[in-house]
Amino acid sequence: MKKQLIINTIKLSLFLFVLLTILSCKSKKTPEPSSNSETVEYPVSLIPSLIETNLTDNVTLYPVSDDFIRDFLNIANQYQGQKVQIKNTLPREWGVVMIERLPEGREIYLLQSKSREWVYLVITSGYGTQRILDILPVAVNLALQNQDILETEVWKTTRKEDGSYAIEKTYNWVRSVASATKQDVETNPDAYTKSNVVNEMYTINNMSRFEFIQSDNIPDYNAVIFYYLPGHKPLAWDETIPILQSFCEDNEIIFDELYENLDRVVIRDYKLNDLTEVNLVPAIGNATCGMVLLKKDLEPKNVSFASLDRMRIEIKRYFKIISQ
């Protein structure tokens, strides 16, 4: 009897040993390969002619290595152009939308934050490496609200036929007028709304770096854009605007009349040469008809449609025209 008990004990011990061994093996999972260690097949195409952000898009973002992101973040703000005016922290999660091949094997990555708020162009040395040569922020879509003040900043980039990049940077600062009177706003408009538009140009030089072109390459200009949204054309429009246009022409002010595509208005001189492209939507705000006064390096001014005399006075004040 005692001998049988010893045998049963040995069998139980062996069973438990085998069971523990099996469970131990199952608990040791084979590590899954990291996405950073796998070869990623990026879509190859041409950088689009218009680069802008859409916070609701669902474009696939392809992964890049941790080393690439680390190097990118270290130099993300080291460029010659105007920085973002809204206080912010650069995101740490990014993905590649596509790449474009450059001469001598180099590549341009179109890199977008996973928050969809930022887009950068990143030039790499290519040939299967991701060594960064230079970067350029080309699109931003940011908003920040602090009590009764709302700040927004939108950048978008147009790629020209010669391969250069034109970046329009629009910043707006708006204070709520809920507790203000109409007189308060008219007397001190700068206390309730401010905006700033900066246009910059870049080209890729022979060293595969983004080269900043001074904005002084854009000629000086004075311009007035008369506008009305569809369905909001005033009854007196057809008799008022031609007189104002004639006044502009007499004072060598470029003018145009538009009712659509106000976010991409091309300013042309009298010989129809393109001077610059501007987005009038931030300046217009909630207005439906009127005119936007424009001058290089000066904040645009929107004037709602009013009497002929009132609008002519506003043109004189903005362009500092001395009455004869």
C-alpha atoms as a PDB file:
ATOM      1  CA  MET A   1       0.000   0.000   0.000  1.00  0.00           C
ATOM      2  CA  LYS A   2       2.785   2.352   0.922  1.00  0.00           C
ATOM      3  CA  LYS A   3       4.623   1.482  -2.296  1.00  0.00           C
ATOM      4  CA  GLN A   4       1.511   2.297  -4.392  1.00  0.00           C
ATOM      5  CA  LEU A   5       1.177   5.697  -2.673  1.00  0.00           C
ATOM      6  CA  ILE A   6       4.775   6.573  -3.554  1.00  0.00           C
ATOM      7  CA  ILE A   7       4.172   5.606  -7.199  1.00  0.00           C
ATOM      8  CA  ASN A   8       1.015   7.768  -7.379  1.00  0.00           C
ATOM      9  CA  THR A   9       2.886  10.712  -5.850  1.00  0.00           C
ATOM     10  CA  ILE A  10       5.654  10.428  -8.448  1.00  0.00           C
ATOM     11  CA  LYS A  11       3.097  10.307 -11.255  1.00  0.00           C
ATOM     12  CA  LEU A  12       1.341  13.398  -9.935  1.00  0.00           C
ATOM     13  CA  SER A  13       4.625  15.262  -9.663  1.00  0.00           C
ATOM     14  CA  LEU A  14       5.540  14.382 -13.240  1.00  0.00           C
ATOM     15  CA  PHE A  15       2.110  15.512 -14.445  1.00  0.00           C
ATOM     16  CA  LEU A  16       2.414  18.826 -12.657  1.00  0.00           C
ATOM     17  CA  PHE A  17       5.933  19.348 -14.054  1.00  0.00           C
ATOM     18  CA  VAL A  18       4.762  18.743 -17.618  1.00  0.00           C
ATOM     19  CA  LEU A  19       1.743  21.030 -17.149  1.00  0.00           C
ATOM     20  CA  LEU A  20       3.869  23.869 -15.784  1.00  0.00           C
ATOM     21  CA  THR A  21       6.315  23.478 -18.676  1.00  0.00           C
ATOM     22  CA  ILE A  22       3.494  23.735 -21.240  1.00  0.00           C
ATOM     23  CA  LEU A  23       2.008  26.827 -19.581  1.00  0.00           C
ATOM     24  CA  SER A  24       5.431  28.460 -19.377  1.00  0.00           C
ATOM     25  CA  CYS A  25       6.016  27.966 -23.094  1.00  0.00           C
ATOM     26  CA  LYS A  26       2.628  29.435 -23.960  1.00  0.00           C
ATOM     27  CA  SER A  27       3.276  32.557 -21.894  1.00  0.00           C
ATOM     28  CA  LYS A  28       6.438  33.357 -23.905  1.00  0.00           C
ATOM     29  CA  LYS A  29       4.949  35.119 -26.937  1.00  0.00           C
ATOM     30  CA  THR A  30       7.019  35.593 -30.013  1.00  0.00           C
ATOM     31  CA  PRO A  31       7.601  39.377 -30.353  1.00  0.00           C
ATOM     32  CA  GLU A  32       5.704  40.927 -33.258  1.00  0.00           C
ATOM     33  CA  PRO A  33       7.795  42.813 -35.784  1.00  0.00           C
ATOM     34  CA  SER A  34       7.682  46.575 -35.278  1.00  0.00           C
ATOM     35  CA  SER A  35       6.203  48.667 -38.044  1.00  0.00           C
ATOM     36  CA  ASN A  36       9.384  50.714 -37.907  1.00  0.00           C
ATOM     37  CA  SER A  37      11.460  47.662 -38.791  1.00  0.00           C
ATOM     38  CA  GLU A  38       9.418  46.706 -41.830  1.00  0.00           C
ATOM     39  CA  THR A  39      10.004  48.031 -45.323  1.00  0.00           C
ATOM     40  CA  VAL A  40       7.169  50.396 -46.221  1.00  0.00           C
ATOM     41  CA  GLU A  41       6.073  50.786 -49.819  1.00  0.00           C
ATOM     42  CA  TYR A  42       5.202  54.487 -50.026  1.00  0.00           C
ATOM     43  CA  PRO A  43       2.978  55.745 -52.858  1.00  0.00           C
ATOM     44  CA  VAL A  44       5.119  57.623 -55.384  1.00  0.00           C
ATOM     45  CA  SER A  45       3.571  60.606 -57.138  1.00  0.00           C
ATOM     46  CA  LEU A  46       3.998  64.348 -57.765  1.00  0.00           C
ATOM     47  CA  ILE A  47       3.510  66.855 -54.953  1.00  0.00           C
ATOM     48  CA  PRO A  48       0.085  68.448 -55.687  1.00  0.00           C
ATOM     49  CA  SER A  49      -0.229  71.986 -57.025  1.00  0.00           C
ATOM     50  CA  LEU A  50      -2.277  72.999 -53.959  1.00  0.00           C
ATOM     51  CA  ILE A  51      -1.282  71.812 -50.483  1.00  0.00           C
ATOM     52  CA  GLU A  52      -3.733  72.533 -47.679  1.00  0.00           C
ATOM     53  CA  THR A  53      -5.086  70.843 -44.569  1.00  0.00           C
ATOM     54  CA  ASN A  54      -8.458  69.274 -43.992  1.00  0.00           C
ATOM     55  CA  LEU A  55      -9.065  68.273 -40.390  1.00  0.00           C
ATOM     56  CA  THR A  56     -11.680  65.698 -41.402  1.00  0.00           C
ATOM     57  CA  ASP A  57      -9.815  63.934 -44.202  1.00  0.00           C
ATOM     58  CA  ASN A  58      -9.064  60.221 -43.973  1.00  0.00           C
ATOM     59  CA  VAL A  59      -6.050  60.025 -46.260  1.00  0.00           C
ATOM     60  CA  THR A  60      -3.835  57.061 -45.403  1.00  0.00           C
ATOM     61  CA  LEU A  61      -0.699  58.019 -43.484  1.00  0.00           C
ATOM     62  CA  TYR A  62       2.203  55.595 -43.939  1.00  0.00           C
ATOM     63  CA  PRO A  63       4.578  55.047 -40.980  1.00  0.00           C
ATOM     64  CA  VAL A  64       8.155  56.263 -40.723  1.00  0.00           C
ATOM     65  CA  SER A  65      10.908  55.198 -38.349  1.00  0.00           C
ATOM     66  CA  ASP A  66      11.319  56.572 -34.851  1.00  0.00           C
ATOM     67  CA  ASP A  67      14.750  57.912 -35.843  1.00  0.00           C
ATOM     68  CA  PHE A  68      13.196  59.830 -38.740  1.00  0.00           C
ATOM     69  CA  ILE A  69      10.580  61.439 -36.477  1.00  0.00           C
ATOM     70  CA  ARG A  70      13.232  62.276 -33.878  1.00  0.00           C
ATOM     71  CA  ASP A  71      15.431  64.022 -36.469  1.00  0.00           C
ATOM     72  CA  PHE A  72      12.429  65.759 -38.006  1.00  0.00           C
ATOM     73  CA  LEU A  73      11.217  67.168 -34.672  1.00  0.00           C
ATOM     74  CA  ASN A  74      14.720  68.387 -33.823  1.00  0.00           C
ATOM     75  CA  ILE A  75      14.809  70.677 -36.872  1.00  0.00           C
ATOM     76  CA  ALA A  76      11.090  71.307 -37.436  1.00  0.00           C
ATOM     77  CA  ASN A  77      11.223  75.047 -36.733  1.00  0.00           C
ATOM     78  CA  GLN A  78      14.663  75.780 -38.155  1.00  0.00           C
ATOM     79  CA  TYR A  79      13.747  77.606 -41.324  1.00  0.00           C
ATOM     80  CA  GLN A  80      13.862  81.210 -42.479  1.00  0.00           C
ATOM     81  CA  GLY A  81      10.162  81.923 -42.836  1.00  0.00           C
ATOM     82  CA  GLN A  82       7.681  83.425 -40.405  1.00  0.00           C
ATOM     83  CA  LYS A  83       6.755  81.026 -37.621  1.00  0.00           C
ATOM     84  CA  VAL A  84       3.239  80.113 -36.548  1.00  0.00           C
ATOM     85  CA  GLN A  85       1.778  82.952 -34.467  1.00  0.00           C
ATOM     86  CA  ILE A  86      -0.646  80.855 -32.410  1.00  0.00           C
ATOM     87  CA  LYS A  87       0.943  79.344 -29.302  1.00  0.00           C
ATOM     88  CA  ASN A  88       1.134  75.614 -29.893  1.00  0.00           C
ATOM     89  CA  THR A  89       3.078  72.414 -29.417  1.00  0.00           C
ATOM     90  CA  LEU A  90       4.209  70.525 -32.487  1.00  0.00           C
ATOM     91  CA  PRO A  91       2.574  67.059 -32.648  1.00  0.00           C
ATOM     92  CA  ARG A  92       4.791  64.001 -32.150  1.00  0.00           C
ATOM     93  CA  GLU A  93       2.818  61.572 -34.300  1.00  0.00           C
ATOM     94  CA  TRP A  94       3.278  61.862 -38.067  1.00  0.00           C
ATOM     95  CA  GLY A  95       2.841  59.830 -41.227  1.00  0.00           C
ATOM     96  CA  VAL A  96       3.763  60.005 -44.902  1.00  0.00           C
ATOM     97  CA  VAL A  97       1.083  60.822 -47.483  1.00  0.00           C
ATOM     98  CA  MET A  98       3.322  60.241 -50.497  1.00  0.00           C
ATOM     99  CA  ILE A  99       6.821  60.861 -51.851  1.00  0.00           C
ATOM    100  CA  GLU A 100       8.161  62.453 -55.028  1.00  0.00           C
ATOM    101  CA  ARG A 101      11.419  61.487 -56.698  1.00  0.00           C
ATOM    102  CA  LEU A 102      14.029  64.202 -57.254  1.00  0.00           C
ATOM    103  CA  PRO A 103      17.121  64.196 -59.461  1.00  0.00           C
ATOM    104  CA  GLU A 104      20.186  62.337 -58.184  1.00  0.00           C
ATOM    105  CA  GLY A 105      18.027  59.885 -56.233  1.00  0.00           C
ATOM    106  CA  ARG A 106      16.762  62.342 -53.639  1.00  0.00           C
ATOM    107  CA  GLU A 107      13.137  62.406 -52.510  1.00  0.00           C
ATOM    108  CA  ILE A 108      10.485  64.745 -51.113  1.00  0.00           C
ATOM    109  CA  TYR A 109       8.239  63.335 -48.415  1.00  0.00           C
ATOM    110  CA  LEU A 110       4.794  64.885 -47.981  1.00  0.00           C
ATOM    111  CA  LEU A 111       4.540  64.493 -44.200  1.00  0.00           C
ATOM    112  CA  GLN A 112       1.318  65.126 -42.262  1.00  0.00           C
ATOM    113  CA  SER A 113       0.570  65.073 -38.551  1.00  0.00           C
ATOM    114  CA  LYS A 114      -1.944  62.476 -37.423  1.00  0.00           C
ATOM    115  CA  SER A 115      -3.962  65.355 -35.961  1.00  0.00           C
ATOM    116  CA  ARG A 116      -4.267  66.585 -39.608  1.00  0.00           C
ATOM    117  CA  GLU A 117      -3.341  70.120 -38.520  1.00  0.00           C
ATOM    118  CA  TRP A 118       0.166  70.276 -40.042  1.00  0.00           C
ATOM    119  CA  VAL A 119       1.785  69.399 -43.368  1.00  0.00           C
ATOM    120  CA  TYR A 120       5.532  69.535 -44.066  1.00  0.00           C
ATOM    121  CA  LEU A 121       7.687  68.866 -47.093  1.00  0.00           C
ATOM    122  CA  VAL A 122      10.816  66.919 -46.164  1.00  0.00           C
ATOM    123  CA  ILE A 123      13.738  66.452 -48.573  1.00  0.00           C
ATOM    124  CA  THR A 124      15.726  63.271 -47.931  1.00  0.00           C
ATOM    125  CA  SER A 125      18.969  61.942 -49.379  1.00  0.00           C
ATOM    126  CA  GLY A 126      17.076  59.031 -50.972  1.00  0.00           C
ATOM    127  CA  TYR A 127      18.684  55.821 -52.242  1.00  0.00           C
ATOM    128  CA  GLY A 128      16.717  53.829 -49.692  1.00  0.00           C
ATOM    129  CA  THR A 129      17.670  56.065 -46.751  1.00  0.00           C
ATOM    130  CA  GLN A 130      15.584  58.549 -44.816  1.00  0.00           C
ATOM    131  CA  ARG A 131      18.347  61.011 -43.933  1.00  0.00           C
ATOM    132  CA  ILE A 132      16.768  64.462 -43.781  1.00  0.00           C
ATOM    133  CA  LEU A 133      18.384  67.245 -45.805  1.00  0.00           C
ATOM    134  CA  ASP A 134      15.811  70.019 -45.303  1.00  0.00           C
ATOM    135  CA  ILE A 135      12.200  70.639 -44.297  1.00  0.00           C
ATOM    136  CA  LEU A 136       9.509  73.238 -45.008  1.00  0.00           C
ATOM    137  CA  PRO A 137       6.108  73.725 -43.304  1.00  0.00           C
ATOM    138  CA  VAL A 138       3.584  74.218 -46.108  1.00  0.00           C
ATOM    139  CA  ALA A 139       0.115  73.894 -44.567  1.00  0.00           C
ATOM    140  CA  VAL A 140      -1.366  74.620 -41.146  1.00  0.00           C
ATOM    141  CA  ASN A 141      -4.888  74.684 -39.732  1.00  0.00           C
ATOM    142  CA  LEU A 142      -4.938  75.836 -36.112  1.00  0.00           C
ATOM    143  CA  ALA A 143      -7.482  77.403 -33.779  1.00  0.00           C
ATOM    144  CA  LEU A 144      -7.218  78.574 -30.172  1.00  0.00           C
ATOM    145  CA  GLN A 145      -9.999  80.034 -28.040  1.00  0.00           C
ATOM    146  CA  ASN A 146      -9.295  81.869 -24.790  1.00  0.00           C
ATOM    147  CA  GLN A 147     -12.428  83.218 -23.107  1.00  0.00           C
ATOM    148  CA  ASP A 148     -13.939  85.719 -25.575  1.00  0.00           C
ATOM    149  CA  ILE A 149     -11.004  85.690 -28.044  1.00  0.00           C
ATOM    150  CA  LEU A 150     -10.644  83.280 -30.949  1.00  0.00           C
ATOM    151  CA  GLU A 151      -7.401  82.942 -32.885  1.00  0.00           C
ATOM    152  CA  THR A 152      -7.169  81.041 -36.148  1.00  0.00           C
ATOM    153  CA  GLU A 153      -4.227  80.424 -38.433  1.00  0.00           C
ATOM    154  CA  VAL A 154      -4.346  78.828 -41.849  1.00  0.00           C
ATOM    155  CA  TRP A 155      -1.426  78.280 -44.215  1.00  0.00           C
ATOM    156  CA  LYS A 156      -1.720  76.883 -47.701  1.00  0.00           C
ATOM    157  CA  THR A 157       0.813  76.416 -50.460  1.00  0.00           C
ATOM    158  CA  THR A 158       0.602  76.655 -54.230  1.00  0.00           C
ATOM    159  CA  ARG A 159       3.219  74.909 -56.317  1.00  0.00           C
ATOM    160  CA  LYS A 160       4.046  77.038 -59.337  1.00  0.00           C
ATOM    161  CA  GLU A 161       4.862  75.748 -62.828  1.00  0.00           C
ATOM    162  CA  ASP A 162       8.563  76.520 -62.290  1.00  0.00           C
ATOM    163  CA  GLY A 163       8.598  74.242 -59.221  1.00  0.00           C
ATOM    164  CA  SER A 164       8.683  77.026 -56.621  1.00  0.00           C
ATOM    165  CA  TYR A 165       6.371  77.036 -53.622  1.00  0.00           C
ATOM    166  CA  ALA A 166       4.191  80.056 -52.738  1.00  0.00           C
ATOM    167  CA  ILE A 167       2.935  79.948 -49.142  1.00  0.00           C
ATOM    168  CA  GLU A 168       0.100  82.151 -47.920  1.00  0.00           C
ATOM    169  CA  LYS A 169      -0.032  82.483 -44.138  1.00  0.00           C
ATOM    170  CA  THR A 170      -3.249  83.966 -42.747  1.00  0.00           C
ATOM    171  CA  TYR A 171      -3.675  84.797 -39.069  1.00  0.00           C
ATOM    172  CA  ASN A 172      -6.892  86.130 -37.505  1.00  0.00           C
ATOM    173  CA  TRP A 173      -7.667  87.410 -34.027  1.00  0.00           C
ATOM    174  CA  VAL A 174     -11.328  88.033 -33.152  1.00  0.00           C
ATOM    175  CA  ARG A 175     -12.892  89.259 -29.903  1.00  0.00           C
ATOM    176  CA  SER A 176     -16.574  88.650 -29.213  1.00  0.00           C
ATOM    177  CA  VAL A 177     -18.762  91.724 -29.671  1.00  0.00           C
ATOM    178  CA  ALA A 178     -21.557  90.263 -27.536  1.00  0.00           C
ATOM    179  CA  SER A 179     -21.062  92.868 -24.807  1.00  0.00           C
ATOM    180  CA  ALA A 180     -20.012  95.720 -27.109  1.00  0.00           C
ATOM    181  CA  THR A 181     -22.112  98.396 -28.730  1.00  0.00           C
ATOM    182  CA  LYS A 182     -22.035  99.197 -32.411  1.00  0.00           C
ATOM    183  CA  GLN A 183     -20.376 102.485 -31.526  1.00  0.00           C
ATOM    184  CA  ASP A 184     -17.621 100.665 -29.597  1.00  0.00           C
ATOM    185  CA  VAL A 185     -16.791  98.512 -32.617  1.00  0.00           C
ATOM    186  CA  GLU A 186     -16.857 101.389 -35.100  1.00  0.00           C
ATOM    187  CA  THR A 187     -14.741 103.639 -32.868  1.00  0.00           C
ATOM    188  CA  ASN A 188     -12.060 101.041 -32.102  1.00  0.00           C
ATOM    189  CA  PRO A 189     -12.299  98.155 -34.625  1.00  0.00           C
ATOM    190  CA  ASP A 190      -8.751  96.932 -33.865  1.00  0.00           C
ATOM    191  CA  ALA A 191      -9.913  95.980 -30.369  1.00  0.00           C
ATOM    192  CA  TYR A 192     -12.263  93.393 -31.861  1.00  0.00           C
ATOM    193  CA  THR A 193     -10.581  92.042 -34.950  1.00  0.00           C
ATOM    194  CA  LYS A 194      -7.039  91.780 -36.265  1.00  0.00           C
ATOM    195  CA  SER A 195      -5.627  89.885 -39.189  1.00  0.00           C
ATOM    196  CA  ASN A 196      -2.306  89.385 -40.868  1.00  0.00           C
ATOM    197  CA  VAL A 197      -1.437  87.849 -44.223  1.00  0.00           C
ATOM    198  CA  VAL A 198       2.140  86.930 -45.143  1.00  0.00           C
ATOM    199  CA  ASN A 199       3.166  85.603 -48.544  1.00  0.00           C
ATOM    200  CA  GLU A 200       6.447  83.714 -48.898  1.00  0.00           C
ATOM    201  CA  MET A 201       8.192  82.005 -51.789  1.00  0.00           C
ATOM    202  CA  TYR A 202      10.642  79.079 -51.743  1.00  0.00           C
ATOM    203  CA  THR A 203      12.511  77.130 -54.368  1.00  0.00           C
ATOM    204  CA  ILE A 204      14.667  73.995 -54.228  1.00  0.00           C
ATOM    205  CA  ASN A 205      18.282  74.897 -55.002  1.00  0.00           C
ATOM    206  CA  ASN A 206      21.120  72.805 -56.449  1.00  0.00           C
ATOM    207  CA  MET A 207      22.000  71.511 -52.981  1.00  0.00           C
ATOM    208  CA  SER A 208      18.482  70.083 -52.563  1.00  0.00           C
ATOM    209  CA  ARG A 209      17.624  72.658 -49.917  1.00  0.00           C
ATOM    210  CA  PHE A 210      14.605  74.960 -49.668  1.00  0.00           C
ATOM    211  CA  GLU A 211      15.818  78.444 -50.554  1.00  0.00           C
ATOM    212  CA  PHE A 212      13.832  81.388 -49.213  1.00  0.00           C
ATOM    213  CA  ILE A 213      12.929  84.058 -51.769  1.00  0.00           C
ATOM    214  CA  GLN A 214      12.287  87.452 -50.217  1.00  0.00           C
ATOM    215  CA  SER A 215       8.715  88.703 -50.433  1.00  0.00           C
ATOM    216  CA  ASP A 216      10.120  91.903 -51.962  1.00  0.00           C
ATOM    217  CA  ASN A 217      10.051  89.984 -55.249  1.00  0.00           C
ATOM    218  CA  ILE A 218       6.318  90.668 -55.220  1.00  0.00           C
ATOM    219  CA  PRO A 219       5.875  94.173 -56.695  1.00  0.00           C
ATOM    220  CA  ASP A 220       4.133  96.883 -54.719  1.00  0.00           C
ATOM    221  CA  TYR A 221       0.460  97.082 -55.497  1.00  0.00           C
ATOM    222  CA  ASN A 222      -2.743  98.877 -54.524  1.00  0.00           C
ATOM    223  CA  ALA A 223      -5.934  96.991 -55.259  1.00  0.00           C
ATOM    224  CA  VAL A 224      -9.659  97.021 -54.536  1.00  0.00           C
ATOM    225  CA  ILE A 225     -11.798  93.918 -54.924  1.00  0.00           C
ATOM    226  CA  PHE A 226     -15.529  94.664 -55.148  1.00  0.00           C
ATOM    227  CA  TYR A 227     -17.536  91.589 -54.163  1.00  0.00           C
ATOM    228  CA  TYR A 228     -20.983  90.271 -53.431  1.00  0.00           C
ATOM    229  CA  LEU A 229     -22.085  86.786 -52.521  1.00  0.00           C
ATOM    230  CA  PRO A 230     -24.655  85.088 -54.779  1.00  0.00           C
ATOM    231  CA  GLY A 231     -28.104  86.397 -53.966  1.00  0.00           C
ATOM    232  CA  HIS A 232     -26.797  89.458 -52.105  1.00  0.00           C
ATOM    233  CA  LYS A 233     -26.221  91.972 -54.894  1.00  0.00           C
ATOM    234  CA  PRO A 234     -27.496  95.388 -53.703  1.00  0.00           C
ATOM    235  CA  LEU A 235     -29.993  97.291 -55.843  1.00  0.00           C
ATOM    236  CA  ALA A 236     -27.620 100.251 -56.167  1.00  0.00           C
ATOM    237  CA  TRP A 237     -24.630  98.063 -57.100  1.00  0.00           C
ATOM    238  CA  ASP A 238     -24.707  98.630 -60.872  1.00  0.00           C
ATOM    239  CA  GLU A 239     -24.768 102.397 -60.533  1.00  0.00           C
ATOM    240  CA  THR A 240     -22.314 102.715 -57.641  1.00  0.00           C
ATOM    241  CA  ILE A 241     -19.479 100.308 -58.479  1.00  0.00           C
ATOM    242  CA  PRO A 242     -18.627 101.637 -61.996  1.00  0.00           C
ATOM    243  CA  ILE A 243     -18.103 105.117 -60.515  1.00  0.00           C
ATOM    244  CA  LEU A 244     -15.803 103.690 -57.824  1.00  0.00           C
ATOM    245  CA  GLN A 245     -13.898 101.661 -60.420  1.00  0.00           C
ATOM    246  CA  SER A 246     -13.365 104.808 -62.459  1.00  0.00           C
ATOM    247  CA  PHE A 247     -12.102 106.519 -59.295  1.00  0.00           C
ATOM    248  CA  CYS A 248      -9.667 103.634 -58.730  1.00  0.00           C
ATOM    249  CA  GLU A 249      -8.398 103.837 -62.297  1.00  0.00           C
ATOM    250  CA  ASP A 250      -7.814 107.597 -61.991  1.00  0.00           C
ATOM    251  CA  ASN A 251      -5.655 106.909 -58.921  1.00  0.00           C
ATOM    252  CA  GLU A 252      -3.788 103.931 -60.443  1.00  0.00           C
ATOM    253  CA  ILE A 253      -5.439 101.413 -58.145  1.00  0.00           C
ATOM    254  CA  ILE A 254      -5.984  97.900 -59.511  1.00  0.00           C
ATOM    255  CA  PHE A 255      -9.600  96.747 -59.207  1.00  0.00           C
ATOM    256  CA  ASP A 256     -11.755  93.732 -59.908  1.00  0.00           C
ATOM    257  CA  GLU A 257     -15.333  92.638 -59.310  1.00  0.00           C
ATOM    258  CA  LEU A 258     -16.003  89.112 -58.020  1.00  0.00           C
ATOM    259  CA  TYR A 259     -18.776  87.003 -56.583  1.00  0.00           C
ATOM    260  CA  GLU A 260     -17.092  83.605 -56.284  1.00  0.00           C
ATOM    261  CA  ASN A 261     -13.740  81.936 -55.436  1.00  0.00           C
ATOM    262  CA  LEU A 262     -12.920  84.667 -52.938  1.00  0.00           C
ATOM    263  CA  ASP A 263     -10.454  82.346 -51.213  1.00  0.00           C
ATOM    264  CA  ARG A 264      -8.115  82.357 -54.229  1.00  0.00           C
ATOM    265  CA  VAL A 265      -8.081  85.839 -55.758  1.00  0.00           C
ATOM    266  CA  VAL A 266      -5.256  86.577 -58.155  1.00  0.00           C
ATOM    267  CA  ILE A 267      -4.118  90.207 -58.141  1.00  0.00           C
ATOM    268  CA  ARG A 268      -3.078  91.243 -61.660  1.00  0.00           C
ATOM    269  CA  ASP A 269      -1.676  94.526 -62.922  1.00  0.00           C
ATOM    270  CA  TYR A 270      -3.120  96.427 -65.864  1.00  0.00           C
ATOM    271  CA  LYS A 271      -0.988  94.319 -68.229  1.00  0.00           C
ATOM    272  CA  LEU A 272      -2.592  91.187 -66.718  1.00  0.00           C
ATOM    273  CA  ASN A 273       0.661  90.066 -65.084  1.00  0.00           C
ATOM    274  CA  ASP A 274       0.069  88.001 -61.927  1.00  0.00           C
ATOM    275  CA  LEU A 275       1.344  89.867 -58.859  1.00  0.00           C
ATOM    276  CA  THR A 276       0.170  87.666 -56.019  1.00  0.00           C
ATOM    277  CA  GLU A 277      -2.701  85.478 -54.831  1.00  0.00           C
ATOM    278  CA  VAL A 278      -4.718  86.322 -51.717  1.00  0.00           C
ATOM    279  CA  ASN A 279      -7.481  84.782 -49.640  1.00  0.00           C
ATOM    280  CA  LEU A 280     -10.159  87.398 -48.935  1.00  0.00           C
ATOM    281  CA  VAL A 281     -12.421  85.171 -46.842  1.00  0.00           C
ATOM    282  CA  PRO A 282     -10.778  86.020 -43.463  1.00  0.00           C
ATOM    283  CA  ALA A 283     -11.024  89.749 -44.198  1.00  0.00           C
ATOM    284  CA  ILE A 284     -14.638  89.563 -45.371  1.00  0.00           C
ATOM    285  CA  GLY A 285     -15.887  87.535 -42.410  1.00  0.00           C
ATOM    286  CA  ASN A 286     -19.701  87.480 -42.294  1.00  0.00           C
ATOM    287  CA  ALA A 287     -20.185  90.373 -44.724  1.00  0.00           C
ATOM    288  CA  THR A 288     -22.125  89.639 -47.924  1.00  0.00           C
ATOM    289  CA  CYS A 289     -21.208  92.572 -50.177  1.00  0.00           C
ATOM    290  CA  GLY A 290     -18.762  95.444 -50.278  1.00  0.00           C
ATOM    291  CA  MET A 291     -15.078  95.882 -51.107  1.00  0.00           C
ATOM    292  CA  VAL A 292     -11.726  94.714 -49.761  1.00  0.00           C
ATOM    293  CA  LEU A 293      -8.879  97.234 -49.855  1.00  0.00           C
ATOM    294  CA  LEU A 294      -5.446  95.691 -50.414  1.00  0.00           C
ATOM    295  CA  LYS A 295      -1.891  96.988 -50.342  1.00  0.00           C
ATOM    296  CA  LYS A 296       1.322  95.013 -50.177  1.00  0.00           C
ATOM    297  CA  ASP A 297       2.551  94.501 -46.588  1.00  0.00           C
ATOM    298  CA  LEU A 298      -0.574  96.201 -45.189  1.00  0.00           C
ATOM    299  CA  GLU A 299      -3.489  94.519 -43.415  1.00  0.00           C
ATOM    300  CA  PRO A 300      -6.479  94.108 -45.774  1.00  0.00           C
ATOM    301  CA  LYS A 301      -9.571  96.145 -44.889  1.00  0.00           C
ATOM    302  CA  ASN A 302     -13.136  95.124 -45.588  1.00  0.00           C
ATOM    303  CA  VAL A 303     -15.756  97.819 -46.176  1.00  0.00           C
ATOM    304  CA  SER A 304     -19.376  96.750 -46.372  1.00  0.00           C
ATOM    305  CA  PHE A 305     -21.454  98.139 -49.217  1.00  0.00           C
ATOM    306  CA  ALA A 306     -22.645 101.654 -48.416  1.00  0.00           C
ATOM    307  CA  SER A 307     -23.240 104.962 -50.154  1.00  0.00           C
ATOM    308  CA  LEU A 308     -20.951 106.064 -52.947  1.00  0.00           C
ATOM    309  CA  ASP A 309     -19.474 108.867 -50.838  1.00  0.00           C
ATOM    310  CA  ARG A 310     -18.830 106.606 -47.855  1.00  0.00           C
ATOM    311  CA  MET A 311     -16.995 103.975 -49.912  1.00  0.00           C
ATOM    312  CA  ARG A 312     -14.962 106.593 -51.762  1.00  0.00           C
ATOM    313  CA  ILE A 313     -13.868 108.130 -48.437  1.00  0.00           C
ATOM    314  CA  GLU A 314     -12.726 104.701 -47.209  1.00  0.00           C
ATOM    315  CA  ILE A 315     -10.617 104.214 -50.364  1.00  0.00           C
ATOM    316  CA  LYS A 316      -9.019 107.626 -49.879  1.00  0.00           C
ATOM    317  CA  ARG A 317      -8.183 106.927 -46.252  1.00  0.00           C
ATOM    318  CA  TYR A 318      -6.716 103.489 -46.843  1.00  0.00           C
ATOM    319  CA  PHE A 319      -4.516 104.503 -49.775  1.00  0.00           C
ATOM    320  CA  LYS A 320      -3.846 107.984 -48.330  1.00  0.00           C
ATOM    321  CA  ILE A 321      -5.180 109.793 -51.357  1.00  0.00           C
ATOM    322  CA  ILE A 322      -5.129 113.556 -50.922  1.00  0.00           C
ATOM    323  CA  SER A 323      -8.227 115.207 -52.418  1.00  0.00           C
ATOM    324  CA  GLN A 324      -7.579 117.623 -55.233  1.00  0.00           C
END
